[in-house]
Amino acid sequence: MAFVRACSVAEVPAGSAVRVEVDGLDVAIVRDGDDFYAIEDECSHAAVALSEGDVEGCEIECWMHGSRFDLRTGKPLGPPATEPVPVFPVQIAGDDVLVDLGEN
């Protein structure tokens, strides 16, 4: 695994998402309490930024049409999306949020 710095922990308020660019890919870093998730920042239904949507627990909701995605798996939890969104492993190292994009 090749973890790279995405942002600082302080940049992601609890219950929200921020858009960062990691190795040329837009990624939404999402915080639920002390848990952090990384999901590709594009809804699989309408190609809009998921980071602009609402976060509730382990879910993020697309602001445009209301598709919801599981932050752990990327699987859609509600229509109109039917395709998953890629998710990535996250580590916290000190004050930094690290993401492993794998083969991307």
PDB file of N, CA and C in Angstrom:
ATOM      1  N   MET A   1       0.844  -1.182   0.000  1.00  0.00           N
ATOM      2  CA  MET A   1       0.000   0.000   0.000  1.00  0.00           C
ATOM      3  C   MET A   1       0.885   1.240   0.000  1.00  0.00           C
ATOM      4  N   ALA A   2       0.436   2.241  -0.743  1.00  0.00           N
ATOM      5  CA  ALA A   2       1.186   3.489  -0.838  1.00  0.00           C
ATOM      6  C   ALA A   2       0.298   4.638  -0.380  1.00  0.00           C
ATOM      7  N   PHE A   3       0.331   4.904   0.910  1.00  0.00           N
ATOM      8  CA  PHE A   3      -0.479   5.993   1.453  1.00  0.00           C
ATOM      9  C   PHE A   3       0.196   7.328   1.189  1.00  0.00           C
ATOM     10  N   VAL A   4      -0.596   8.306   0.747  1.00  0.00           N
ATOM     11  CA  VAL A   4      -0.107   9.655   0.512  1.00  0.00           C
ATOM     12  C   VAL A   4      -0.995  10.636   1.272  1.00  0.00           C
ATOM     13  N   ARG A   5      -0.420  11.786   1.610  1.00  0.00           N
ATOM     14  CA  ARG A   5      -1.158  12.788   2.367  1.00  0.00           C
ATOM     15  C   ARG A   5      -2.256  13.397   1.502  1.00  0.00           C
ATOM     16  N   ALA A   6      -3.472  13.452   2.062  1.00  0.00           N
ATOM     17  CA  ALA A   6      -4.602  14.064   1.366  1.00  0.00           C
ATOM     18  C   ALA A   6      -4.902  15.454   1.925  1.00  0.00           C
ATOM     19  N   CYS A   7      -4.862  15.564   3.254  1.00  0.00           N
ATOM     20  CA  CYS A   7      -5.166  16.828   3.925  1.00  0.00           C
ATOM     21  C   CYS A   7      -4.845  16.657   5.404  1.00  0.00           C
ATOM     22  N   SER A   8      -5.094  17.708   6.175  1.00  0.00           N
ATOM     23  CA  SER A   8      -4.921  17.594   7.622  1.00  0.00           C
ATOM     24  C   SER A   8      -6.251  17.204   8.258  1.00  0.00           C
ATOM     25  N   VAL A   9      -6.187  16.600   9.420  1.00  0.00           N
ATOM     26  CA  VAL A   9      -7.387  16.222  10.168  1.00  0.00           C
ATOM     27  C   VAL A   9      -8.246  17.462  10.421  1.00  0.00           C
ATOM     28  N   ALA A  10      -7.605  18.581  10.749  1.00  0.00           N
ATOM     29  CA  ALA A  10      -8.321  19.818  11.086  1.00  0.00           C
ATOM     30  C   ALA A  10      -9.102  20.399   9.910  1.00  0.00           C
ATOM     31  N   GLU A  11      -8.735  20.044   8.692  1.00  0.00           N
ATOM     32  CA  GLU A  11      -9.425  20.573   7.508  1.00  0.00           C
ATOM     33  C   GLU A  11     -10.796  19.941   7.288  1.00  0.00           C
ATOM     34  N   VAL A  12     -11.089  18.853   8.004  1.00  0.00           N
ATOM     35  CA  VAL A  12     -12.346  18.127   7.776  1.00  0.00           C
ATOM     36  C   VAL A  12     -13.190  18.178   9.051  1.00  0.00           C
ATOM     37  N   PRO A  13     -14.130  19.119   9.124  1.00  0.00           N
ATOM     38  CA  PRO A  13     -14.996  19.183  10.305  1.00  0.00           C
ATOM     39  C   PRO A  13     -15.849  17.916  10.434  1.00  0.00           C
ATOM     40  N   ALA A  14     -16.170  17.544  11.662  1.00  0.00           N
ATOM     41  CA  ALA A  14     -17.003  16.359  11.896  1.00  0.00           C
ATOM     42  C   ALA A  14     -18.326  16.488  11.159  1.00  0.00           C
ATOM     43  N   GLY A  15     -18.770  15.395  10.545  1.00  0.00           N
ATOM     44  CA  GLY A  15     -20.046  15.371   9.843  1.00  0.00           C
ATOM     45  C   GLY A  15     -20.031  16.075   8.506  1.00  0.00           C
ATOM     46  N   SER A  16     -18.835  16.187   7.918  1.00  0.00           N
ATOM     47  CA  SER A  16     -18.750  16.876   6.633  1.00  0.00           C
ATOM     48  C   SER A  16     -17.761  16.186   5.705  1.00  0.00           C
ATOM     49  N   ALA A  17     -17.666  16.729   4.490  1.00  0.00           N
ATOM     50  CA  ALA A  17     -16.736  16.217   3.488  1.00  0.00           C
ATOM     51  C   ALA A  17     -15.992  17.392   2.870  1.00  0.00           C
ATOM     52  N   VAL A  18     -14.745  17.148   2.483  1.00  0.00           N
ATOM     53  CA  VAL A  18     -13.974  18.149   1.748  1.00  0.00           C
ATOM     54  C   VAL A  18     -13.398  17.497   0.500  1.00  0.00           C
ATOM     55  N   ARG A  19     -13.284  18.291  -0.540  1.00  0.00           N
ATOM     56  CA  ARG A  19     -12.720  17.805  -1.799  1.00  0.00           C
ATOM     57  C   ARG A  19     -11.228  18.090  -1.794  1.00  0.00           C
ATOM     58  N   VAL A  20     -10.445  17.058  -2.096  1.00  0.00           N
ATOM     59  CA  VAL A  20      -8.997  17.204  -2.232  1.00  0.00           C
ATOM     60  C   VAL A  20      -8.566  16.510  -3.516  1.00  0.00           C
ATOM     61  N   GLU A  21      -7.428  16.908  -4.025  1.00  0.00           N
ATOM     62  CA  GLU A  21      -6.871  16.228  -5.184  1.00  0.00           C
ATOM     63  C   GLU A  21      -5.698  15.388  -4.713  1.00  0.00           C
ATOM     64  N   VAL A  22      -5.753  14.107  -5.025  1.00  0.00           N
ATOM     65  CA  VAL A  22      -4.686  13.181  -4.654  1.00  0.00           C
ATOM     66  C   VAL A  22      -4.197  12.520  -5.933  1.00  0.00           C
ATOM     67  N   ASP A  23      -2.955  12.763  -6.273  1.00  0.00           N
ATOM     68  CA  ASP A  23      -2.373  12.195  -7.501  1.00  0.00           C
ATOM     69  C   ASP A  23      -3.266  12.394  -8.719  1.00  0.00           C
ATOM     70  N   GLY A  24      -3.831  13.599  -8.856  1.00  0.00           N
ATOM     71  CA  GLY A  24      -4.641  13.926 -10.017  1.00  0.00           C
ATOM     72  C   GLY A  24      -6.086  13.477  -9.962  1.00  0.00           C
ATOM     73  N   LEU A  25      -6.493  12.829  -8.871  1.00  0.00           N
ATOM     74  CA  LEU A  25      -7.869  12.350  -8.724  1.00  0.00           C
ATOM     75  C   LEU A  25      -8.587  13.159  -7.649  1.00  0.00           C
ATOM     76  N   ASP A  26      -9.816  13.609  -7.945  1.00  0.00           N
ATOM     77  CA  ASP A  26     -10.620  14.307  -6.942  1.00  0.00           C
ATOM     78  C   ASP A  26     -11.218  13.283  -5.991  1.00  0.00           C
ATOM     79  N   VAL A  27     -10.934  13.473  -4.707  1.00  0.00           N
ATOM     80  CA  VAL A  27     -11.369  12.555  -3.659  1.00  0.00           C
ATOM     81  C   VAL A  27     -12.108  13.352  -2.597  1.00  0.00           C
ATOM     82  N   ALA A  28     -13.216  12.820  -2.115  1.00  0.00           N
ATOM     83  CA  ALA A  28     -13.920  13.410  -0.979  1.00  0.00           C
ATOM     84  C   ALA A  28     -13.417  12.730   0.289  1.00  0.00           C
ATOM     85  N   ILE A  29     -12.855  13.522   1.192  1.00  0.00           N
ATOM     86  CA  ILE A  29     -12.464  13.026   2.517  1.00  0.00           C
ATOM     87  C   ILE A  29     -13.626  13.354   3.439  1.00  0.00           C
ATOM     88  N   VAL A  30     -14.173  12.322   4.074  1.00  0.00           N
ATOM     89  CA  VAL A  30     -15.391  12.463   4.862  1.00  0.00           C
ATOM     90  C   VAL A  30     -15.083  12.097   6.304  1.00  0.00           C
ATOM     91  N   ARG A  31     -15.633  12.894   7.219  1.00  0.00           N
ATOM     92  CA  ARG A  31     -15.413  12.641   8.651  1.00  0.00           C
ATOM     93  C   ARG A  31     -16.742  12.408   9.353  1.00  0.00           C
ATOM     94  N   ASP A  32     -16.796  11.293  10.064  1.00  0.00           N
ATOM     95  CA  ASP A  32     -17.934  10.963  10.916  1.00  0.00           C
ATOM     96  C   ASP A  32     -17.366  10.760  12.307  1.00  0.00           C
ATOM     97  N   GLY A  33     -17.416  11.786  13.147  1.00  0.00           N
ATOM     98  CA  GLY A  33     -16.790  11.718  14.468  1.00  0.00           C
ATOM     99  C   GLY A  33     -15.284  11.594  14.320  1.00  0.00           C
ATOM    100  N   ASP A  34     -14.727  10.492  14.828  1.00  0.00           N
ATOM    101  CA  ASP A  34     -13.290  10.246  14.707  1.00  0.00           C
ATOM    102  C   ASP A  34     -12.952   9.346  13.527  1.00  0.00           C
ATOM    103  N   ASP A  35     -13.956   8.936  12.762  1.00  0.00           N
ATOM    104  CA  ASP A  35     -13.737   8.058  11.614  1.00  0.00           C
ATOM    105  C   ASP A  35     -13.628   8.874  10.330  1.00  0.00           C
ATOM    106  N   PHE A  36     -12.668   8.500   9.498  1.00  0.00           N
ATOM    107  CA  PHE A  36     -12.453   9.170   8.220  1.00  0.00           C
ATOM    108  C   PHE A  36     -12.623   8.166   7.089  1.00  0.00           C
ATOM    109  N   TYR A  37     -13.166   8.653   5.982  1.00  0.00           N
ATOM    110  CA  TYR A  37     -13.394   7.843   4.789  1.00  0.00           C
ATOM    111  C   TYR A  37     -12.912   8.615   3.572  1.00  0.00           C
ATOM    112  N   ALA A  38     -12.566   7.876   2.528  1.00  0.00           N
ATOM    113  CA  ALA A  38     -12.184   8.496   1.257  1.00  0.00           C
ATOM    114  C   ALA A  38     -12.989   7.833   0.152  1.00  0.00           C
ATOM    115  N   ILE A  39     -13.667   8.650  -0.645  1.00  0.00           N
ATOM    116  CA  ILE A  39     -14.502   8.162  -1.740  1.00  0.00           C
ATOM    117  C   ILE A  39     -14.261   9.065  -2.936  1.00  0.00           C
ATOM    118  N   GLU A  40     -14.255   8.486  -4.131  1.00  0.00           N
ATOM    119  CA  GLU A  40     -14.068   9.310  -5.321  1.00  0.00           C
ATOM    120  C   GLU A  40     -15.148  10.390  -5.331  1.00  0.00           C
ATOM    121  N   ASP A  41     -14.739  11.612  -5.638  1.00  0.00           N
ATOM    122  CA  ASP A  41     -15.641  12.757  -5.501  1.00  0.00           C
ATOM    123  C   ASP A  41     -16.483  12.970  -6.753  1.00  0.00           C
ATOM    124  N   GLU A  42     -17.175  11.910  -7.163  1.00  0.00           N
ATOM    125  CA  GLU A  42     -18.071  12.028  -8.312  1.00  0.00           C
ATOM    126  C   GLU A  42     -19.195  11.013  -8.185  1.00  0.00           C
ATOM    127  N   CYS A  43     -20.420  11.500  -8.153  1.00  0.00           N
ATOM    128  CA  CYS A  43     -21.588  10.624  -8.097  1.00  0.00           C
ATOM    129  C   CYS A  43     -21.629   9.762  -9.353  1.00  0.00           C
ATOM    130  N   SER A  44     -21.902   8.491  -9.194  1.00  0.00           N
ATOM    131  CA  SER A  44     -21.942   7.578 -10.340  1.00  0.00           C
ATOM    132  C   SER A  44     -23.194   7.778 -11.191  1.00  0.00           C
ATOM    133  N   HIS A  45     -24.133   8.554 -10.697  1.00  0.00           N
ATOM    134  CA  HIS A  45     -25.361   8.796 -11.454  1.00  0.00           C
ATOM    135  C   HIS A  45     -25.279  10.059 -12.298  1.00  0.00           C
ATOM    136  N   ALA A  46     -24.844  11.176 -11.701  1.00  0.00           N
ATOM    137  CA  ALA A  46     -24.921  12.451 -12.406  1.00  0.00           C
ATOM    138  C   ALA A  46     -23.577  13.155 -12.563  1.00  0.00           C
ATOM    139  N   ALA A  47     -22.491  12.525 -12.168  1.00  0.00           N
ATOM    140  CA  ALA A  47     -21.152  13.092 -12.319  1.00  0.00           C
ATOM    141  C   ALA A  47     -21.023  14.478 -11.684  1.00  0.00           C
ATOM    142  N   VAL A  48     -21.539  14.613 -10.453  1.00  0.00           N
ATOM    143  CA  VAL A  48     -21.368  15.844  -9.680  1.00  0.00           C
ATOM    144  C   VAL A  48     -20.608  15.513  -8.399  1.00  0.00           C
ATOM    145  N   ALA A  49     -20.077  16.536  -7.751  1.00  0.00           N
ATOM    146  CA  ALA A  49     -19.220  16.344  -6.579  1.00  0.00           C
ATOM    147  C   ALA A  49     -20.005  15.839  -5.368  1.00  0.00           C
ATOM    148  N   LEU A  50     -19.622  14.680  -4.870  1.00  0.00           N
ATOM    149  CA  LEU A  50     -20.239  14.156  -3.652  1.00  0.00           C
ATOM    150  C   LEU A  50     -19.847  14.977  -2.430  1.00  0.00           C
ATOM    151  N   SER A  51     -18.682  15.619  -2.476  1.00  0.00           N
ATOM    152  CA  SER A  51     -18.217  16.395  -1.326  1.00  0.00           C
ATOM    153  C   SER A  51     -19.148  17.560  -1.001  1.00  0.00           C
ATOM    154  N   GLU A  52     -20.023  17.924  -1.917  1.00  0.00           N
ATOM    155  CA  GLU A  52     -20.981  19.005  -1.676  1.00  0.00           C
ATOM    156  C   GLU A  52     -22.281  18.492  -1.066  1.00  0.00           C
ATOM    157  N   GLY A  53     -22.366  17.178  -0.852  1.00  0.00           N
ATOM    158  CA  GLY A  53     -23.583  16.584  -0.303  1.00  0.00           C
ATOM    159  C   GLY A  53     -23.576  16.502   1.206  1.00  0.00           C
ATOM    160  N   ASP A  54     -24.638  15.923   1.741  1.00  0.00           N
ATOM    161  CA  ASP A  54     -24.790  15.771   3.190  1.00  0.00           C
ATOM    162  C   ASP A  54     -24.199  14.457   3.664  1.00  0.00           C
ATOM    163  N   VAL A  55     -23.599  14.505   4.858  1.00  0.00           N
ATOM    164  CA  VAL A  55     -23.014  13.325   5.487  1.00  0.00           C
ATOM    165  C   VAL A  55     -23.859  12.957   6.697  1.00  0.00           C
ATOM    166  N   GLU A  56     -24.219  11.679   6.789  1.00  0.00           N
ATOM    167  CA  GLU A  56     -24.926  11.191   7.965  1.00  0.00           C
ATOM    168  C   GLU A  56     -24.405   9.807   8.287  1.00  0.00           C
ATOM    169  N   GLY A  57     -23.669   9.698   9.386  1.00  0.00           N
ATOM    170  CA  GLY A  57     -23.071   8.422   9.747  1.00  0.00           C
ATOM    171  C   GLY A  57     -22.114   7.978   8.662  1.00  0.00           C
ATOM    172  N   CYS A  58     -22.266   6.752   8.201  1.00  0.00           N
ATOM    173  CA  CYS A  58     -21.387   6.179   7.174  1.00  0.00           C
ATOM    174  C   CYS A  58     -21.961   6.350   5.773  1.00  0.00           C
ATOM    175  N   GLU A  59     -22.767   7.395   5.572  1.00  0.00           N
ATOM    176  CA  GLU A  59     -23.386   7.629   4.275  1.00  0.00           C
ATOM    177  C   GLU A  59     -23.134   9.058   3.811  1.00  0.00           C
ATOM    178  N   ILE A  60     -23.054   9.207   2.484  1.00  0.00           N
ATOM    179  CA  ILE A  60     -23.019  10.540   1.892  1.00  0.00           C
ATOM    180  C   ILE A  60     -24.125  10.595   0.848  1.00  0.00           C
ATOM    181  N   GLU A  61     -24.805  11.739   0.795  1.00  0.00           N
ATOM    182  CA  GLU A  61     -25.924  11.904  -0.126  1.00  0.00           C
ATOM    183  C   GLU A  61     -25.566  12.934  -1.185  1.00  0.00           C
ATOM    184  N   CYS A  62     -25.767  12.579  -2.427  1.00  0.00           N
ATOM    185  CA  CYS A  62     -25.518  13.504  -3.529  1.00  0.00           C
ATOM    186  C   CYS A  62     -26.526  14.649  -3.454  1.00  0.00           C
ATOM    187  N   TRP A  63     -26.039  15.861  -3.571  1.00  0.00           N
ATOM    188  CA  TRP A  63     -26.896  17.036  -3.440  1.00  0.00           C
ATOM    189  C   TRP A  63     -27.844  17.204  -4.618  1.00  0.00           C
ATOM    190  N   MET A  64     -27.526  16.633  -5.776  1.00  0.00           N
ATOM    191  CA  MET A  64     -28.349  16.903  -6.960  1.00  0.00           C
ATOM    192  C   MET A  64     -29.628  16.072  -7.014  1.00  0.00           C
ATOM    193  N   HIS A  65     -29.513  14.752  -6.900  1.00  0.00           N
ATOM    194  CA  HIS A  65     -30.691  13.893  -7.050  1.00  0.00           C
ATOM    195  C   HIS A  65     -30.969  13.014  -5.836  1.00  0.00           C
ATOM    196  N   GLY A  66     -30.146  13.126  -4.792  1.00  0.00           N
ATOM    197  CA  GLY A  66     -30.430  12.390  -3.562  1.00  0.00           C
ATOM    198  C   GLY A  66     -29.908  10.969  -3.483  1.00  0.00           C
ATOM    199  N   SER A  67     -29.072  10.554  -4.433  1.00  0.00           N
ATOM    200  CA  SER A  67     -28.460   9.224  -4.318  1.00  0.00           C
ATOM    201  C   SER A  67     -27.611   9.175  -3.051  1.00  0.00           C
ATOM    202  N   ARG A  68     -27.670   8.064  -2.351  1.00  0.00           N
ATOM    203  CA  ARG A  68     -26.870   7.892  -1.140  1.00  0.00           C
ATOM    204  C   ARG A  68     -25.879   6.756  -1.352  1.00  0.00           C
ATOM    205  N   PHE A  69     -24.676   6.898  -0.768  1.00  0.00           N
ATOM    206  CA  PHE A  69     -23.621   5.904  -0.910  1.00  0.00           C
ATOM    207  C   PHE A  69     -23.044   5.538   0.446  1.00  0.00           C
ATOM    208  N   ASP A  70     -22.736   4.245   0.620  1.00  0.00           N
ATOM    209  CA  ASP A  70     -22.066   3.754   1.821  1.00  0.00           C
ATOM    210  C   ASP A  70     -20.603   4.155   1.728  1.00  0.00           C
ATOM    211  N   LEU A  71     -20.118   4.885   2.709  1.00  0.00           N
ATOM    212  CA  LEU A  71     -18.731   5.363   2.686  1.00  0.00           C
ATOM    213  C   LEU A  71     -17.715   4.242   2.866  1.00  0.00           C
ATOM    214  N   ARG A  72     -18.146   3.109   3.388  1.00  0.00           N
ATOM    215  CA  ARG A  72     -17.231   1.984   3.583  1.00  0.00           C
ATOM    216  C   ARG A  72     -17.051   1.160   2.320  1.00  0.00           C
ATOM    217  N   THR A  73     -18.107   1.076   1.507  1.00  0.00           N
ATOM    218  CA  THR A  73     -18.065   0.203   0.334  1.00  0.00           C
ATOM    219  C   THR A  73     -18.236   0.938  -0.992  1.00  0.00           C
ATOM    220  N   GLY A  74     -18.794   2.139  -0.946  1.00  0.00           N
ATOM    221  CA  GLY A  74     -19.092   2.881  -2.161  1.00  0.00           C
ATOM    222  C   GLY A  74     -20.382   2.461  -2.828  1.00  0.00           C
ATOM    223  N   LYS A  75     -21.061   1.470  -2.276  1.00  0.00           N
ATOM    224  CA  LYS A  75     -22.293   0.965  -2.891  1.00  0.00           C
ATOM    225  C   LYS A  75     -23.436   1.971  -2.724  1.00  0.00           C
ATOM    226  N   PRO A  76     -24.272   2.090  -3.768  1.00  0.00           N
ATOM    227  CA  PRO A  76     -25.429   2.984  -3.657  1.00  0.00           C
ATOM    228  C   PRO A  76     -26.460   2.415  -2.681  1.00  0.00           C
ATOM    229  N   LEU A  77     -27.035   3.301  -1.867  1.00  0.00           N
ATOM    230  CA  LEU A  77     -28.029   2.892  -0.871  1.00  0.00           C
ATOM    231  C   LEU A  77     -29.423   3.380  -1.234  1.00  0.00           C
ATOM    232  N   GLY A  78     -29.499   4.201  -2.276  1.00  0.00           N
ATOM    233  CA  GLY A  78     -30.794   4.705  -2.699  1.00  0.00           C
ATOM    234  C   GLY A  78     -30.717   5.240  -4.108  1.00  0.00           C
ATOM    235  N   PRO A  79     -31.825   5.145  -4.833  1.00  0.00           N
ATOM    236  CA  PRO A  79     -31.852   5.604  -6.219  1.00  0.00           C
ATOM    237  C   PRO A  79     -31.712   7.130  -6.289  1.00  0.00           C
ATOM    238  N   PRO A  80     -31.357   7.640  -7.458  1.00  0.00           N
ATOM    239  CA  PRO A  80     -31.336   6.966  -8.747  1.00  0.00           C
ATOM    240  C   PRO A  80     -30.025   6.250  -9.087  1.00  0.00           C
ATOM    241  N   ALA A  81     -28.971   6.401  -8.287  1.00  0.00           N
ATOM    242  CA  ALA A  81     -27.697   5.733  -8.596  1.00  0.00           C
ATOM    243  C   ALA A  81     -27.842   4.218  -8.477  1.00  0.00           C
ATOM    244  N   THR A  82     -27.204   3.500  -9.401  1.00  0.00           N
ATOM    245  CA  THR A  82     -27.201   2.038  -9.351  1.00  0.00           C
ATOM    246  C   THR A  82     -25.782   1.486  -9.352  1.00  0.00           C
ATOM    247  N   GLU A  83     -24.795   2.320  -9.667  1.00  0.00           N
ATOM    248  CA  GLU A  83     -23.400   1.890  -9.729  1.00  0.00           C
ATOM    249  C   GLU A  83     -22.637   2.403  -8.516  1.00  0.00           C
ATOM    250  N   PRO A  84     -21.702   1.610  -7.974  1.00  0.00           N
ATOM    251  CA  PRO A  84     -20.910   2.061  -6.837  1.00  0.00           C
ATOM    252  C   PRO A  84     -19.896   3.136  -7.236  1.00  0.00           C
ATOM    253  N   VAL A  85     -19.377   3.808  -6.227  1.00  0.00           N
ATOM    254  CA  VAL A  85     -18.327   4.804  -6.381  1.00  0.00           C
ATOM    255  C   VAL A  85     -17.080   4.240  -5.694  1.00  0.00           C
ATOM    256  N   PRO A  86     -15.899   4.342  -6.312  1.00  0.00           N
ATOM    257  CA  PRO A  86     -14.691   3.801  -5.678  1.00  0.00           C
ATOM    258  C   PRO A  86     -14.408   4.442  -4.310  1.00  0.00           C
ATOM    259  N   VAL A  87     -14.022   3.596  -3.357  1.00  0.00           N
ATOM    260  CA  VAL A  87     -13.588   4.051  -2.039  1.00  0.00           C
ATOM    261  C   VAL A  87     -12.134   3.623  -1.847  1.00  0.00           C
ATOM    262  N   PHE A  88     -11.445   4.304  -0.933  1.00  0.00           N
ATOM    263  CA  PHE A  88     -10.016   4.077  -0.742  1.00  0.00           C
ATOM    264  C   PHE A  88      -9.687   3.949   0.738  1.00  0.00           C
ATOM    265  N   PRO A  89      -8.667   3.133   1.068  1.00  0.00           N
ATOM    266  CA  PRO A  89      -8.240   3.009   2.457  1.00  0.00           C
ATOM    267  C   PRO A  89      -7.703   4.337   2.993  1.00  0.00           C
ATOM    268  N   VAL A  90      -7.966   4.588   4.277  1.00  0.00           N
ATOM    269  CA  VAL A  90      -7.538   5.819   4.945  1.00  0.00           C
ATOM    270  C   VAL A  90      -6.756   5.457   6.197  1.00  0.00           C
ATOM    271  N   GLN A  91      -5.719   6.232   6.459  1.00  0.00           N
ATOM    272  CA  GLN A  91      -4.969   6.144   7.718  1.00  0.00           C
ATOM    273  C   GLN A  91      -4.803   7.556   8.264  1.00  0.00           C
ATOM    274  N   ILE A  92      -4.748   7.649   9.589  1.00  0.00           N
ATOM    275  CA  ILE A  92      -4.427   8.921  10.228  1.00  0.00           C
ATOM    276  C   ILE A  92      -3.016   8.791  10.788  1.00  0.00           C
ATOM    277  N   ALA A  93      -2.156   9.735  10.425  1.00  0.00           N
ATOM    278  CA  ALA A  93      -0.770   9.758  10.898  1.00  0.00           C
ATOM    279  C   ALA A  93      -0.510  11.126  11.513  1.00  0.00           C
ATOM    280  N   GLY A  94      -0.543  11.168  12.828  1.00  0.00           N
ATOM    281  CA  GLY A  94      -0.399  12.456  13.499  1.00  0.00           C
ATOM    282  C   GLY A  94      -1.590  13.334  13.177  1.00  0.00           C
ATOM    283  N   ASP A  95      -1.330  14.475  12.527  1.00  0.00           N
ATOM    284  CA  ASP A  95      -2.398  15.405  12.154  1.00  0.00           C
ATOM    285  C   ASP A  95      -2.802  15.282  10.691  1.00  0.00           C
ATOM    286  N   ASP A  96      -2.316  14.256  10.011  1.00  0.00           N
ATOM    287  CA  ASP A  96      -2.566  14.116   8.580  1.00  0.00           C
ATOM    288  C   ASP A  96      -3.517  12.965   8.260  1.00  0.00           C
ATOM    289  N   VAL A  97      -4.336  13.183   7.228  1.00  0.00           N
ATOM    290  CA  VAL A  97      -5.184  12.137   6.667  1.00  0.00           C
ATOM    291  C   VAL A  97      -4.469  11.594   5.441  1.00  0.00           C
ATOM    292  N   LEU A  98      -4.188  10.292   5.453  1.00  0.00           N
ATOM    293  CA  LEU A  98      -3.487   9.648   4.348  1.00  0.00           C
ATOM    294  C   LEU A  98      -4.443   8.738   3.602  1.00  0.00           C
ATOM    295  N   VAL A  99      -4.286   8.675   2.273  1.00  0.00           N
ATOM    296  CA  VAL A  99      -5.160   7.864   1.426  1.00  0.00           C
ATOM    297  C   VAL A  99      -4.306   7.002   0.522  1.00  0.00           C
ATOM    298  N   ASP A 100      -4.749   5.768   0.297  1.00  0.00           N
ATOM    299  CA  ASP A 100      -4.094   4.865  -0.644  1.00  0.00           C
ATOM    300  C   ASP A 100      -5.013   4.685  -1.846  1.00  0.00           C
ATOM    301  N   LEU A 101      -4.610   5.224  -2.995  1.00  0.00           N
ATOM    302  CA  LEU A 101      -5.433   5.126  -4.199  1.00  0.00           C
ATOM    303  C   LEU A 101      -5.238   3.793  -4.921  1.00  0.00           C
ATOM    304  N   GLY A 102      -4.301   2.981  -4.455  1.00  0.00           N
ATOM    305  CA  GLY A 102      -4.088   1.672  -5.078  1.00  0.00           C
ATOM    306  C   GLY A 102      -3.621   1.810  -6.506  1.00  0.00           C
ATOM    307  N   GLU A 103      -4.302   1.143  -7.411  1.00  0.00           N
ATOM    308  CA  GLU A 103      -3.901   1.109  -8.816  1.00  0.00           C
ATOM    309  C   GLU A 103      -4.405   2.291  -9.627  1.00  0.00           C
ATOM    310  N   ASN A 104      -5.121   3.221  -9.012  1.00  0.00           N
ATOM    311  CA  ASN A 104      -5.681   4.358  -9.783  1.00  0.00           C
ATOM    312  C   ASN A 104      -4.639   5.188 -10.441  1.00  0.00           C
TER     313      ASN A 104
END
